[in-house]
Amino acid sequence: MELVALRTFQTVVEEGGILAASRKLNTVQSNVTNRIRRLEEELGAELFFRKGRGLELAPSGRVLLDYARRMLLLERQTSAAVRQVGENVGELRIGAMETFAALHLPSALKAVRAEHPRLELRVVTNTSAQLTDKVLTHKLDCAFIAGPVIHPELEFTELVVEELVQISAKGANPVLQPLILFREGCAYRSRALAWQRATGHAVADAMEFGTLEGILGCVAVGLGWTLMPRRVVEQSQHAADLIVETLPAEISQVPTGMIHLRAAPPMVALGTLADAVAAAAR
């Protein structure tokens, strides 16, 4: 069983079809189709149900997907481990919430670069929910998310406790304004909605944005209110235009840390990264 066939199979599943997978893999559709067909012949099982132009994962395909992900993860880890012997090179795929990336990652990544100068760092930002899924599906080696996290496959190391504060524009009455939020999956979103309900805001509407500066900018000009880590607000270019209000501990205190797969082989760089974040947060 070739790894390229497993990688093709996994891409077809994740991209939702042959055409999208061929684009992702930068190859022609016939190559993808042939690899899947050979894989089915080798295993003696149908991996997909064909429905018109679409594909639906068959029971045998669901079983193979789990093993394919583990085998491809082991391949990446093996390659990285061999390359790192005596050379300290490889790749580290890091995920982070946008607020965490803005506050803590720059100095931490600098420390990792200093300790592991030939290590290639790749960083993506997303919501806590999306990052968790990417770690579980082996697309990221680690992620920094809001906790607490209780999952049988994940190790969560708390590194910092963020303080959420309510922010609104000077002269605005947040009780009469809509809430401005990150999109679904953000850990701060549920706390903001809970605070909105608890305080009986007259306006229950909410606006969604995908970027940190987008939210802060809209709040600063009086379009709404939100909850945001105090340190993010203090460092924002909009700080002078914002009113900051302290919240009760059950809403404001958010344990934040690193997650990675329990079953994954240890990576020295992960320890360096976690230690750098914790040191910078003190």
C-alpha atoms as a PDB file:
ATOM      1  CA  MET A   1       0.000   0.000   0.000  1.00  0.00           C
ATOM      2  CA  GLU A   2       1.614   3.223  -1.163  1.00  0.00           C
ATOM      3  CA  LEU A   3       1.590   6.353   0.961  1.00  0.00           C
ATOM      4  CA  VAL A   4       0.775   8.455  -2.094  1.00  0.00           C
ATOM      5  CA  ALA A   5      -2.441   6.455  -2.512  1.00  0.00           C
ATOM      6  CA  LEU A   6      -3.373   6.989   1.130  1.00  0.00           C
ATOM      7  CA  ARG A   7      -2.600  10.692   0.839  1.00  0.00           C
ATOM      8  CA  THR A   8      -4.781  10.896  -2.262  1.00  0.00           C
ATOM      9  CA  PHE A   9      -7.617   9.042  -0.537  1.00  0.00           C
ATOM     10  CA  GLN A  10      -7.463  11.348   2.482  1.00  0.00           C
ATOM     11  CA  THR A  11      -7.447  14.428   0.257  1.00  0.00           C
ATOM     12  CA  VAL A  12     -10.514  13.215  -1.665  1.00  0.00           C
ATOM     13  CA  VAL A  13     -12.364  12.817   1.640  1.00  0.00           C
ATOM     14  CA  GLU A  14     -11.263  16.171   3.052  1.00  0.00           C
ATOM     15  CA  GLU A  15     -11.833  18.142  -0.164  1.00  0.00           C
ATOM     16  CA  GLY A  16     -15.160  16.471  -0.894  1.00  0.00           C
ATOM     17  CA  GLY A  17     -14.474  15.019  -4.324  1.00  0.00           C
ATOM     18  CA  ILE A  18     -12.110  14.012  -7.125  1.00  0.00           C
ATOM     19  CA  LEU A  19     -11.939  17.422  -8.828  1.00  0.00           C
ATOM     20  CA  ALA A  20     -11.211  19.363  -5.642  1.00  0.00           C
ATOM     21  CA  ALA A  21      -8.639  16.760  -4.582  1.00  0.00           C
ATOM     22  CA  SER A  22      -6.862  16.964  -7.950  1.00  0.00           C
ATOM     23  CA  ARG A  23      -6.581  20.730  -7.555  1.00  0.00           C
ATOM     24  CA  LYS A  24      -5.285  20.379  -4.009  1.00  0.00           C
ATOM     25  CA  LEU A  25      -2.711  17.782  -5.092  1.00  0.00           C
ATOM     26  CA  ASN A  26      -1.833  19.705  -8.263  1.00  0.00           C
ATOM     27  CA  THR A  27      -2.501  16.735 -10.518  1.00  0.00           C
ATOM     28  CA  VAL A  28      -5.085  15.661 -13.104  1.00  0.00           C
ATOM     29  CA  GLN A  29      -8.376  14.010 -12.158  1.00  0.00           C
ATOM     30  CA  SER A  30      -7.452  10.741 -13.870  1.00  0.00           C
ATOM     31  CA  ASN A  31      -4.456  10.292 -11.555  1.00  0.00           C
ATOM     32  CA  VAL A  32      -6.659  10.698  -8.502  1.00  0.00           C
ATOM     33  CA  THR A  33      -9.293   8.326  -9.891  1.00  0.00           C
ATOM     34  CA  ASN A  34      -6.707   5.677 -10.781  1.00  0.00           C
ATOM     35  CA  ARG A  35      -5.062   5.823  -7.359  1.00  0.00           C
ATOM     36  CA  ILE A  36      -8.415   5.361  -5.624  1.00  0.00           C
ATOM     37  CA  ARG A  37      -9.337   2.491  -7.954  1.00  0.00           C
ATOM     38  CA  ARG A  38      -6.012   0.723  -7.344  1.00  0.00           C
ATOM     39  CA  LEU A  39      -6.413   1.204  -3.612  1.00  0.00           C
ATOM     40  CA  GLU A  40      -9.871  -0.375  -3.727  1.00  0.00           C
ATOM     41  CA  GLU A  41      -8.543  -3.295  -5.776  1.00  0.00           C
ATOM     42  CA  GLU A  42      -5.651  -3.819  -3.384  1.00  0.00           C
ATOM     43  CA  LEU A  43      -7.915  -3.789  -0.334  1.00  0.00           C
ATOM     44  CA  GLY A  44     -10.729  -5.679  -1.983  1.00  0.00           C
ATOM     45  CA  ALA A  45     -13.282  -3.194  -0.693  1.00  0.00           C
ATOM     46  CA  GLU A  46     -15.316  -0.285  -1.984  1.00  0.00           C
ATOM     47  CA  LEU A  47     -14.165   2.947  -0.334  1.00  0.00           C
ATOM     48  CA  PHE A  48     -16.796   5.287  -1.757  1.00  0.00           C
ATOM     49  CA  PHE A  49     -20.402   5.090  -2.873  1.00  0.00           C
ATOM     50  CA  ARG A  50     -20.801   6.901  -6.194  1.00  0.00           C
ATOM     51  CA  LYS A  51     -23.905   9.097  -6.254  1.00  0.00           C
ATOM     52  CA  GLY A  52     -24.153  10.956  -9.532  1.00  0.00           C
ATOM     53  CA  ARG A  53     -21.109  13.211  -9.639  1.00  0.00           C
ATOM     54  CA  GLY A  54     -20.664  13.042  -5.878  1.00  0.00           C
ATOM     55  CA  LEU A  55     -18.931  10.609  -3.537  1.00  0.00           C
ATOM     56  CA  GLU A  56     -20.032   9.321  -0.156  1.00  0.00           C
ATOM     57  CA  LEU A  57     -17.618   7.525   2.153  1.00  0.00           C
ATOM     58  CA  ALA A  58     -18.461   3.819   2.471  1.00  0.00           C
ATOM     59  CA  PRO A  59     -18.083   1.940   5.791  1.00  0.00           C
ATOM     60  CA  SER A  60     -14.780   0.465   4.597  1.00  0.00           C
ATOM     61  CA  GLY A  61     -13.661   3.956   3.663  1.00  0.00           C
ATOM     62  CA  ARG A  62     -14.393   5.284   7.153  1.00  0.00           C
ATOM     63  CA  VAL A  63     -12.190   2.563   8.643  1.00  0.00           C
ATOM     64  CA  LEU A  64      -9.399   3.257   6.166  1.00  0.00           C
ATOM     65  CA  LEU A  65      -9.572   7.017   6.799  1.00  0.00           C
ATOM     66  CA  ASP A  66      -8.710   6.560  10.468  1.00  0.00           C
ATOM     67  CA  TYR A  67      -5.735   4.320   9.660  1.00  0.00           C
ATOM     68  CA  ALA A  68      -4.622   6.508   6.745  1.00  0.00           C
ATOM     69  CA  ARG A  69      -4.463   9.574   8.985  1.00  0.00           C
ATOM     70  CA  ARG A  70      -2.415   7.704  11.563  1.00  0.00           C
ATOM     71  CA  MET A  71      -0.055   6.241   8.956  1.00  0.00           C
ATOM     72  CA  LEU A  72       0.495   9.591   7.257  1.00  0.00           C
ATOM     73  CA  LEU A  73       1.080  11.243  10.623  1.00  0.00           C
ATOM     74  CA  LEU A  74       3.642   8.574  11.473  1.00  0.00           C
ATOM     75  CA  GLU A  75       5.319   9.162   8.109  1.00  0.00           C
ATOM     76  CA  ARG A  76       5.647  12.895   8.804  1.00  0.00           C
ATOM     77  CA  GLN A  77       6.873  12.291  12.337  1.00  0.00           C
ATOM     78  CA  THR A  78       9.386   9.680  11.187  1.00  0.00           C
ATOM     79  CA  SER A  79      10.742  11.984   8.511  1.00  0.00           C
ATOM     80  CA  ALA A  80      10.982  14.895  10.943  1.00  0.00           C
ATOM     81  CA  ALA A  81      12.651  12.770  13.626  1.00  0.00           C
ATOM     82  CA  VAL A  82      15.276  11.426  11.212  1.00  0.00           C
ATOM     83  CA  ARG A  83      16.013  14.889   9.837  1.00  0.00           C
ATOM     84  CA  GLN A  84      16.332  16.370  13.313  1.00  0.00           C
ATOM     85  CA  VAL A  85      19.052  13.945  14.416  1.00  0.00           C
ATOM     86  CA  GLY A  86      22.158  16.091  14.651  1.00  0.00           C
ATOM     87  CA  GLU A  87      20.651  18.792  12.439  1.00  0.00           C
ATOM     88  CA  ASN A  88      17.640  20.063  14.366  1.00  0.00           C
ATOM     89  CA  VAL A  89      15.606  20.632  11.210  1.00  0.00           C
ATOM     90  CA  GLY A  90      12.070  19.746  10.216  1.00  0.00           C
ATOM     91  CA  GLU A  91       8.655  21.352  10.320  1.00  0.00           C
ATOM     92  CA  LEU A  92       6.423  22.473  13.171  1.00  0.00           C
ATOM     93  CA  ARG A  93       2.780  23.280  12.331  1.00  0.00           C
ATOM     94  CA  ILE A  94       1.267  25.634  14.904  1.00  0.00           C
ATOM     95  CA  GLY A  95      -2.312  26.835  15.286  1.00  0.00           C
ATOM     96  CA  ALA A  96      -3.511  29.729  17.427  1.00  0.00           C
ATOM     97  CA  MET A  97      -6.535  31.870  18.127  1.00  0.00           C
ATOM     98  CA  GLU A  98      -6.098  35.249  16.489  1.00  0.00           C
ATOM     99  CA  THR A  99      -5.962  37.058  19.845  1.00  0.00           C
ATOM    100  CA  PHE A 100      -3.340  34.622  21.131  1.00  0.00           C
ATOM    101  CA  ALA A 101      -1.290  34.995  17.967  1.00  0.00           C
ATOM    102  CA  ALA A 102      -1.305  38.753  18.367  1.00  0.00           C
ATOM    103  CA  LEU A 103      -0.342  38.710  22.038  1.00  0.00           C
ATOM    104  CA  HIS A 104       1.975  35.795  22.631  1.00  0.00           C
ATOM    105  CA  LEU A 105       3.264  34.137  19.479  1.00  0.00           C
ATOM    106  CA  PRO A 106       5.794  36.683  18.158  1.00  0.00           C
ATOM    107  CA  SER A 107       8.161  36.480  21.140  1.00  0.00           C
ATOM    108  CA  ALA A 108       7.596  32.731  21.534  1.00  0.00           C
ATOM    109  CA  LEU A 109       8.387  32.038  17.874  1.00  0.00           C
ATOM    110  CA  LYS A 110      11.510  34.161  18.200  1.00  0.00           C
ATOM    111  CA  ALA A 111      12.625  31.931  21.083  1.00  0.00           C
ATOM    112  CA  VAL A 112      11.951  28.777  19.049  1.00  0.00           C
ATOM    113  CA  ARG A 113      13.933  30.177  16.122  1.00  0.00           C
ATOM    114  CA  ALA A 114      16.849  30.924  18.419  1.00  0.00           C
ATOM    115  CA  GLU A 115      16.805  27.422  19.935  1.00  0.00           C
ATOM    116  CA  HIS A 116      15.969  25.536  16.708  1.00  0.00           C
ATOM    117  CA  PRO A 117      17.300  27.779  13.905  1.00  0.00           C
ATOM    118  CA  ARG A 118      16.745  25.285  11.081  1.00  0.00           C
ATOM    119  CA  LEU A 119      13.232  24.337  12.074  1.00  0.00           C
ATOM    120  CA  GLU A 120      10.570  25.470   9.605  1.00  0.00           C
ATOM    121  CA  LEU A 121       7.602  27.084  11.391  1.00  0.00           C
ATOM    122  CA  ARG A 122       4.114  27.200   9.891  1.00  0.00           C
ATOM    123  CA  VAL A 123       1.380  29.153  11.696  1.00  0.00           C
ATOM    124  CA  VAL A 124      -2.376  29.325  11.052  1.00  0.00           C
ATOM    125  CA  THR A 125      -5.072  31.182  12.999  1.00  0.00           C
ATOM    126  CA  ASN A 126      -8.643  30.037  13.541  1.00  0.00           C
ATOM    127  CA  THR A 127     -11.266  29.545  16.249  1.00  0.00           C
ATOM    128  CA  SER A 128     -10.639  27.187  19.158  1.00  0.00           C
ATOM    129  CA  ALA A 129     -13.115  24.666  17.740  1.00  0.00           C
ATOM    130  CA  GLN A 130     -11.520  24.627  14.294  1.00  0.00           C
ATOM    131  CA  LEU A 131      -8.002  24.391  15.710  1.00  0.00           C
ATOM    132  CA  THR A 132      -8.979  21.471  17.930  1.00  0.00           C
ATOM    133  CA  ASP A 133     -10.350  19.640  14.904  1.00  0.00           C
ATOM    134  CA  LYS A 134      -7.144  20.281  12.956  1.00  0.00           C
ATOM    135  CA  VAL A 135      -5.014  18.823  15.757  1.00  0.00           C
ATOM    136  CA  LEU A 136      -7.283  15.763  16.030  1.00  0.00           C
ATOM    137  CA  THR A 137      -7.065  15.189  12.269  1.00  0.00           C
ATOM    138  CA  HIS A 138      -3.256  15.548  12.291  1.00  0.00           C
ATOM    139  CA  LYS A 139      -3.213  18.783  10.277  1.00  0.00           C
ATOM    140  CA  LEU A 140      -1.471  20.657  13.114  1.00  0.00           C
ATOM    141  CA  ASP A 141       1.193  19.512  15.571  1.00  0.00           C
ATOM    142  CA  CYS A 142      -0.140  21.794  18.290  1.00  0.00           C
ATOM    143  CA  ALA A 143      -2.557  24.646  18.845  1.00  0.00           C
ATOM    144  CA  PHE A 144      -3.067  27.398  21.393  1.00  0.00           C
ATOM    145  CA  ILE A 145      -6.718  27.567  22.390  1.00  0.00           C
ATOM    146  CA  ALA A 146      -8.995  28.642  25.237  1.00  0.00           C
ATOM    147  CA  GLY A 147      -9.654  25.932  27.788  1.00  0.00           C
ATOM    148  CA  PRO A 148     -10.211  24.014  29.810  1.00  0.00           C
ATOM    149  CA  VAL A 149      -9.916  21.101  27.379  1.00  0.00           C
ATOM    150  CA  ILE A 150     -10.983  17.604  28.364  1.00  0.00           C
ATOM    151  CA  HIS A 151     -10.539  15.090  25.539  1.00  0.00           C
ATOM    152  CA  PRO A 152      -9.184  11.520  25.648  1.00  0.00           C
ATOM    153  CA  GLU A 153      -6.877  12.100  22.663  1.00  0.00           C
ATOM    154  CA  LEU A 154      -5.550  15.519  23.645  1.00  0.00           C
ATOM    155  CA  GLU A 155      -3.050  16.817  26.146  1.00  0.00           C
ATOM    156  CA  PHE A 156      -3.811  20.349  27.367  1.00  0.00           C
ATOM    157  CA  THR A 157      -1.135  22.422  29.093  1.00  0.00           C
ATOM    158  CA  GLU A 158      -2.394  25.652  30.638  1.00  0.00           C
ATOM    159  CA  LEU A 159       0.089  28.455  30.019  1.00  0.00           C
ATOM    160  CA  VAL A 160      -1.728  31.698  30.733  1.00  0.00           C
ATOM    161  CA  VAL A 161      -5.061  32.943  32.086  1.00  0.00           C
ATOM    162  CA  GLU A 162      -6.498  35.673  29.894  1.00  0.00           C
ATOM    163  CA  GLU A 163      -8.768  38.312  31.419  1.00  0.00           C
ATOM    164  CA  LEU A 164     -11.756  39.191  29.269  1.00  0.00           C
ATOM    165  CA  VAL A 165     -13.164  42.710  29.589  1.00  0.00           C
ATOM    166  CA  GLN A 166     -16.201  44.375  28.080  1.00  0.00           C
ATOM    167  CA  ILE A 167     -15.372  47.110  25.608  1.00  0.00           C
ATOM    168  CA  SER A 168     -17.508  49.739  23.943  1.00  0.00           C
ATOM    169  CA  ALA A 169     -16.980  53.144  22.325  1.00  0.00           C
ATOM    170  CA  LYS A 170     -16.731  56.287  24.426  1.00  0.00           C
ATOM    171  CA  GLY A 171     -20.163  57.852  24.760  1.00  0.00           C
ATOM    172  CA  ALA A 172     -21.974  54.688  23.603  1.00  0.00           C
ATOM    173  CA  ASN A 173     -24.440  52.681  25.685  1.00  0.00           C
ATOM    174  CA  PRO A 174     -23.650  48.980  25.090  1.00  0.00           C
ATOM    175  CA  VAL A 175     -27.022  47.952  26.569  1.00  0.00           C
ATOM    176  CA  LEU A 176     -28.651  49.474  23.492  1.00  0.00           C
ATOM    177  CA  GLN A 177     -26.133  48.109  20.980  1.00  0.00           C
ATOM    178  CA  PRO A 178     -25.609  44.761  19.237  1.00  0.00           C
ATOM    179  CA  LEU A 179     -22.848  42.385  20.265  1.00  0.00           C
ATOM    180  CA  ILE A 180     -19.904  42.041  17.872  1.00  0.00           C
ATOM    181  CA  LEU A 181     -18.379  38.564  17.775  1.00  0.00           C
ATOM    182  CA  PHE A 182     -15.906  36.269  16.131  1.00  0.00           C
ATOM    183  CA  ARG A 183     -17.549  33.552  14.060  1.00  0.00           C
ATOM    184  CA  GLU A 184     -18.956  30.275  15.432  1.00  0.00           C
ATOM    185  CA  GLY A 185     -16.365  28.180  17.254  1.00  0.00           C
ATOM    186  CA  CYS A 186     -14.660  31.025  19.119  1.00  0.00           C
ATOM    187  CA  ALA A 187     -14.310  30.303  22.845  1.00  0.00           C
ATOM    188  CA  TYR A 188     -14.917  33.960  23.733  1.00  0.00           C
ATOM    189  CA  ARG A 189     -18.165  33.934  21.770  1.00  0.00           C
ATOM    190  CA  SER A 190     -20.028  31.690  24.236  1.00  0.00           C
ATOM    191  CA  ARG A 191     -18.907  33.821  27.173  1.00  0.00           C
ATOM    192  CA  ALA A 192     -20.014  37.010  25.434  1.00  0.00           C
ATOM    193  CA  LEU A 193     -23.431  35.537  24.661  1.00  0.00           C
ATOM    194  CA  ALA A 194     -23.784  34.341  28.270  1.00  0.00           C
ATOM    195  CA  TRP A 195     -22.869  37.818  29.529  1.00  0.00           C
ATOM    196  CA  GLN A 196     -25.359  39.380  27.124  1.00  0.00           C
ATOM    197  CA  ARG A 197     -28.136  37.190  28.528  1.00  0.00           C
ATOM    198  CA  ALA A 198     -27.085  37.684  32.145  1.00  0.00           C
ATOM    199  CA  THR A 199     -27.056  41.483  31.898  1.00  0.00           C
ATOM    200  CA  GLY A 200     -30.320  41.760  29.978  1.00  0.00           C
ATOM    201  CA  HIS A 201     -29.046  43.793  27.049  1.00  0.00           C
ATOM    202  CA  ALA A 202     -31.961  45.365  25.226  1.00  0.00           C
ATOM    203  CA  VAL A 203     -30.483  44.462  21.839  1.00  0.00           C
ATOM    204  CA  ALA A 204     -30.020  40.718  21.396  1.00  0.00           C
ATOM    205  CA  ASP A 205     -28.687  40.998  17.845  1.00  0.00           C
ATOM    206  CA  ALA A 206     -25.088  40.149  17.011  1.00  0.00           C
ATOM    207  CA  MET A 207     -22.691  40.953  14.185  1.00  0.00           C
ATOM    208  CA  GLU A 208     -19.927  38.554  13.167  1.00  0.00           C
ATOM    209  CA  PHE A 209     -16.419  39.400  11.955  1.00  0.00           C
ATOM    210  CA  GLY A 210     -13.477  37.228  11.057  1.00  0.00           C
ATOM    211  CA  THR A 211     -10.623  39.472  12.205  1.00  0.00           C
ATOM    212  CA  LEU A 212      -9.491  40.974  15.466  1.00  0.00           C
ATOM    213  CA  GLU A 213      -8.902  44.459  14.077  1.00  0.00           C
ATOM    214  CA  GLY A 214     -12.263  44.361  12.313  1.00  0.00           C
ATOM    215  CA  ILE A 215     -14.037  43.820  15.619  1.00  0.00           C
ATOM    216  CA  LEU A 216     -12.011  46.417  17.516  1.00  0.00           C
ATOM    217  CA  GLY A 217     -12.438  48.987  14.773  1.00  0.00           C
ATOM    218  CA  CYS A 218     -16.220  48.574  14.632  1.00  0.00           C
ATOM    219  CA  VAL A 219     -16.514  48.780  18.414  1.00  0.00           C
ATOM    220  CA  ALA A 220     -14.324  51.913  18.455  1.00  0.00           C
ATOM    221  CA  VAL A 221     -16.656  53.760  16.077  1.00  0.00           C
ATOM    222  CA  GLY A 222     -19.727  52.834  18.111  1.00  0.00           C
ATOM    223  CA  LEU A 223     -21.276  50.030  16.062  1.00  0.00           C
ATOM    224  CA  GLY A 224     -21.510  47.644  19.015  1.00  0.00           C
ATOM    225  CA  TRP A 225     -19.753  46.109  22.017  1.00  0.00           C
ATOM    226  CA  THR A 226     -17.772  42.936  22.674  1.00  0.00           C
ATOM    227  CA  LEU A 227     -15.597  40.982  25.099  1.00  0.00           C
ATOM    228  CA  MET A 228     -11.874  40.903  24.441  1.00  0.00           C
ATOM    229  CA  PRO A 229      -8.692  40.043  26.397  1.00  0.00           C
ATOM    230  CA  ARG A 230      -7.559  43.096  28.351  1.00  0.00           C
ATOM    231  CA  ARG A 231      -4.050  42.912  26.933  1.00  0.00           C
ATOM    232  CA  VAL A 232      -5.371  42.940  23.371  1.00  0.00           C
ATOM    233  CA  VAL A 233      -7.335  46.102  24.110  1.00  0.00           C
ATOM    234  CA  GLU A 234      -4.373  47.791  25.789  1.00  0.00           C
ATOM    235  CA  GLN A 235      -2.150  47.118  22.754  1.00  0.00           C
ATOM    236  CA  SER A 236      -4.748  48.118  20.159  1.00  0.00           C
ATOM    237  CA  GLN A 237      -4.449  51.264  18.083  1.00  0.00           C
ATOM    238  CA  HIS A 238      -8.082  51.928  19.061  1.00  0.00           C
ATOM    239  CA  ALA A 239      -7.420  51.861  22.820  1.00  0.00           C
ATOM    240  CA  ALA A 240      -7.947  55.617  23.266  1.00  0.00           C
ATOM    241  CA  ASP A 241     -11.458  55.377  21.805  1.00  0.00           C
ATOM    242  CA  LEU A 242     -12.629  52.483  23.990  1.00  0.00           C
ATOM    243  CA  ILE A 243     -14.265  52.160  27.392  1.00  0.00           C
ATOM    244  CA  VAL A 244     -13.083  49.071  29.299  1.00  0.00           C
ATOM    245  CA  GLU A 245     -15.262  47.458  31.982  1.00  0.00           C
ATOM    246  CA  THR A 246     -14.201  44.659  34.329  1.00  0.00           C
ATOM    247  CA  LEU A 247     -16.306  41.474  34.413  1.00  0.00           C
ATOM    248  CA  PRO A 248     -17.043  38.838  37.070  1.00  0.00           C
ATOM    249  CA  ALA A 249     -14.379  36.124  37.354  1.00  0.00           C
ATOM    250  CA  GLU A 250     -16.636  33.362  36.033  1.00  0.00           C
ATOM    251  CA  ILE A 251     -16.843  35.247  32.726  1.00  0.00           C
ATOM    252  CA  SER A 252     -13.507  37.037  32.610  1.00  0.00           C
ATOM    253  CA  GLN A 253     -10.982  34.341  33.561  1.00  0.00           C
ATOM    254  CA  VAL A 254     -10.138  32.150  30.569  1.00  0.00           C
ATOM    255  CA  PRO A 255      -7.456  29.440  30.956  1.00  0.00           C
ATOM    256  CA  THR A 256      -5.482  29.284  27.730  1.00  0.00           C
ATOM    257  CA  GLY A 257      -2.839  26.832  26.661  1.00  0.00           C
ATOM    258  CA  MET A 258      -1.399  24.327  24.209  1.00  0.00           C
ATOM    259  CA  ILE A 259      -3.031  21.158  22.946  1.00  0.00           C
ATOM    260  CA  HIS A 260      -1.351  18.274  21.130  1.00  0.00           C
ATOM    261  CA  LEU A 261      -2.126  14.617  20.547  1.00  0.00           C
ATOM    262  CA  ARG A 262      -1.337  12.366  23.501  1.00  0.00           C
ATOM    263  CA  ALA A 263      -0.225   9.571  21.182  1.00  0.00           C
ATOM    264  CA  ALA A 264       2.162  11.724  19.156  1.00  0.00           C
ATOM    265  CA  PRO A 265       5.895  11.189  19.715  1.00  0.00           C
ATOM    266  CA  PRO A 266       7.468  13.993  21.777  1.00  0.00           C
ATOM    267  CA  MET A 267       8.884  16.977  19.913  1.00  0.00           C
ATOM    268  CA  VAL A 268      11.532  19.037  21.676  1.00  0.00           C
ATOM    269  CA  ALA A 269      10.412  22.182  19.866  1.00  0.00           C
ATOM    270  CA  LEU A 270       6.935  21.920  21.413  1.00  0.00           C
ATOM    271  CA  GLY A 271       8.477  22.200  24.861  1.00  0.00           C
ATOM    272  CA  THR A 272      10.556  25.179  23.778  1.00  0.00           C
ATOM    273  CA  LEU A 273       7.455  26.878  22.379  1.00  0.00           C
ATOM    274  CA  ALA A 274       5.331  26.236  25.481  1.00  0.00           C
ATOM    275  CA  ASP A 275       8.079  27.408  27.832  1.00  0.00           C
ATOM    276  CA  ALA A 276       8.557  30.601  25.815  1.00  0.00           C
ATOM    277  CA  VAL A 277       4.833  31.413  25.944  1.00  0.00           C
ATOM    278  CA  ALA A 278       4.667  30.797  29.696  1.00  0.00           C
ATOM    279  CA  ALA A 279       7.795  32.899  30.324  1.00  0.00           C
ATOM    280  CA  ALA A 280       6.479  35.810  28.267  1.00  0.00           C
ATOM    281  CA  ALA A 281       3.132  35.750  30.081  1.00  0.00           C
ATOM    282  CA  ARG A 282       4.672  36.108  33.557  1.00  0.00           C
END
